Protein backbone atom coordinates (compact mmCIF):
# COMPACT_ATOMS: atom_id res chain seq x y z
CA UNK A 1 156.19 89.64 96.29
CA UNK A 2 152.49 89.35 97.11
CA UNK A 3 149.79 88.63 94.59
CA UNK A 4 148.53 92.22 94.77
CA UNK A 5 152.04 93.56 94.16
CA UNK A 6 152.46 91.19 91.22
CA UNK A 7 149.15 92.26 89.64
CA UNK A 8 150.04 95.91 90.19
CA UNK A 9 153.36 95.53 88.38
CA UNK A 10 151.64 93.68 85.52
CA UNK A 11 149.06 96.48 85.33
CA UNK A 12 151.86 99.03 85.01
CA UNK A 13 153.54 96.95 82.30
CA UNK A 14 150.37 96.69 80.20
CA UNK A 15 149.08 100.19 80.88
CA UNK A 16 148.36 100.75 77.18
CA UNK A 17 145.76 97.95 77.04
CA UNK A 18 142.61 99.37 78.68
CA UNK A 19 140.79 96.03 78.91
CA UNK A 20 143.67 94.37 80.73
CA UNK A 21 144.06 97.33 83.10
CA UNK A 22 140.35 97.16 83.97
CA UNK A 23 140.58 93.40 84.54
CA UNK A 24 143.66 93.75 86.75
CA UNK A 25 142.03 96.57 88.73
CA UNK A 26 139.04 94.32 89.34
CA UNK A 27 141.24 91.42 90.46
CA UNK A 28 143.22 93.68 92.81
CA UNK A 29 139.97 95.02 94.28
CA UNK A 30 138.71 91.46 94.89
CA UNK A 31 141.94 90.50 96.66
CA UNK A 32 141.84 93.61 98.85
CA UNK A 33 138.22 92.95 99.78
CA UNK A 34 139.03 89.33 100.62
CA UNK A 35 141.90 90.40 102.87
CA UNK A 36 139.71 92.60 105.10
CA UNK A 37 136.64 90.36 105.25
CA UNK A 38 136.30 88.77 108.71
CA UNK A 39 136.18 85.01 108.55
CA UNK A 40 133.71 82.85 110.42
CA UNK A 41 135.16 80.05 112.54
CA UNK A 42 135.04 76.60 110.99
CA UNK A 43 132.91 73.80 112.39
CA UNK A 44 136.00 72.18 113.91
CA UNK A 45 136.99 75.44 115.61
CA UNK A 46 133.50 75.78 117.09
CA UNK A 47 133.61 72.16 118.25
CA UNK A 48 137.06 72.67 119.80
CA UNK A 49 135.79 75.68 121.76
CA UNK A 50 133.07 73.53 123.31
CA UNK A 51 135.51 70.72 124.07
CA UNK A 52 137.96 73.12 125.71
CA UNK A 53 135.16 74.42 127.93
CA UNK A 54 134.23 70.86 128.94
CA UNK A 55 137.86 70.05 129.76
CA UNK A 56 138.30 73.26 131.79
CA UNK A 57 135.07 72.53 133.73
CA UNK A 58 136.25 68.98 134.47
CA UNK A 59 139.66 70.12 135.68
CA UNK A 60 138.04 72.83 137.81
CA UNK A 61 135.90 70.19 139.56
CA UNK A 62 138.73 67.72 140.16
CA UNK A 63 141.16 68.22 143.00
CA UNK A 64 144.04 66.14 141.68
CA UNK A 65 146.07 66.61 138.48
CA UNK A 66 144.92 64.41 135.58
CA UNK A 67 146.73 62.73 132.70
CA UNK A 68 145.48 62.98 129.13
CA UNK A 69 144.11 59.42 129.30
CA UNK A 70 142.19 60.22 132.49
CA UNK A 71 140.77 63.37 130.93
CA UNK A 72 139.64 61.45 127.82
CA UNK A 73 138.03 58.78 129.99
CA UNK A 74 136.15 61.24 132.23
CA UNK A 75 135.11 64.14 130.00
CA UNK A 76 131.95 63.66 128.00
CA UNK A 77 132.46 64.32 124.31
CA UNK A 78 136.12 63.31 124.18
CA UNK A 79 135.57 59.61 123.62
CA UNK A 80 136.97 58.61 120.27
CA UNK A 81 139.40 61.52 120.08
CA UNK A 82 143.12 60.81 119.88
CA UNK A 83 145.42 61.72 122.74
CA UNK A 84 147.23 64.03 120.33
CA UNK A 85 144.08 66.07 119.65
CA UNK A 86 143.21 66.26 123.36
CA UNK A 87 146.78 67.40 124.06
CA UNK A 88 146.29 70.14 121.46
CA UNK A 89 143.13 71.28 123.27
CA UNK A 90 144.98 71.22 126.59
CA UNK A 91 147.82 73.25 125.12
CA UNK A 92 145.33 75.88 123.92
CA UNK A 93 143.86 76.06 127.44
CA UNK A 94 147.36 76.30 128.87
CA UNK A 95 148.27 79.17 126.54
CA UNK A 96 145.04 80.92 127.55
CA UNK A 97 146.15 80.64 131.18
CA UNK A 98 143.26 78.45 132.32
CA UNK A 99 145.18 75.30 133.23
CA UNK A 100 148.69 74.35 134.25
CA UNK A 101 150.87 71.39 133.36
CA UNK A 102 153.15 69.48 135.67
CA UNK A 103 155.49 66.68 134.58
CA UNK A 104 156.07 63.90 137.12
CA UNK A 105 158.35 61.04 136.07
CA UNK A 106 158.01 62.02 132.38
CA UNK A 107 154.19 61.95 132.54
CA UNK A 108 152.37 65.27 132.03
CA UNK A 109 149.56 66.06 134.46
CA UNK A 110 147.07 68.86 133.96
CA UNK A 111 145.13 70.79 136.57
CA UNK A 112 143.09 73.94 136.82
CA UNK A 113 145.11 77.06 137.60
CA UNK A 114 147.53 79.54 136.14
CA UNK A 115 151.01 78.37 135.27
CA UNK A 116 153.55 81.06 136.01
CA UNK A 117 155.50 82.30 133.02
CA UNK A 118 153.49 80.41 130.41
CA UNK A 119 150.18 82.17 129.83
CA UNK A 120 150.24 84.95 127.28
CA UNK A 121 148.71 88.22 128.40
CA UNK A 122 147.89 91.47 126.65
CA UNK A 123 150.58 93.27 128.67
CA UNK A 124 153.29 91.10 127.10
CA UNK A 125 152.13 91.97 123.57
CA UNK A 126 152.52 95.75 124.08
């Protein structure tokens, strides 16, 4: 049961008390307004967008596949980030279809290009 459904059932239960009904109507209206309000991206999301662009540009310029450590060492702005966070950024790029991942001897390598069968497209969602 959602919060709106819960408040609606409470409103029906206390329908004789006008003050409570008005309060519950106001609370339901606030929740409905909050649900449709578009949210701005957080500072981290904005930063991640810039970092993903830097990574994609780097991989586009390089001719050989790169490991996460090599990407961290060569892309400006990634110094100090953990390999786990950089892998998260690479996974987002991979899902967007901008880069592809190849595993050689249990070591993942990333390069610019589309990986068949991995990128999500609008056609698949329909």
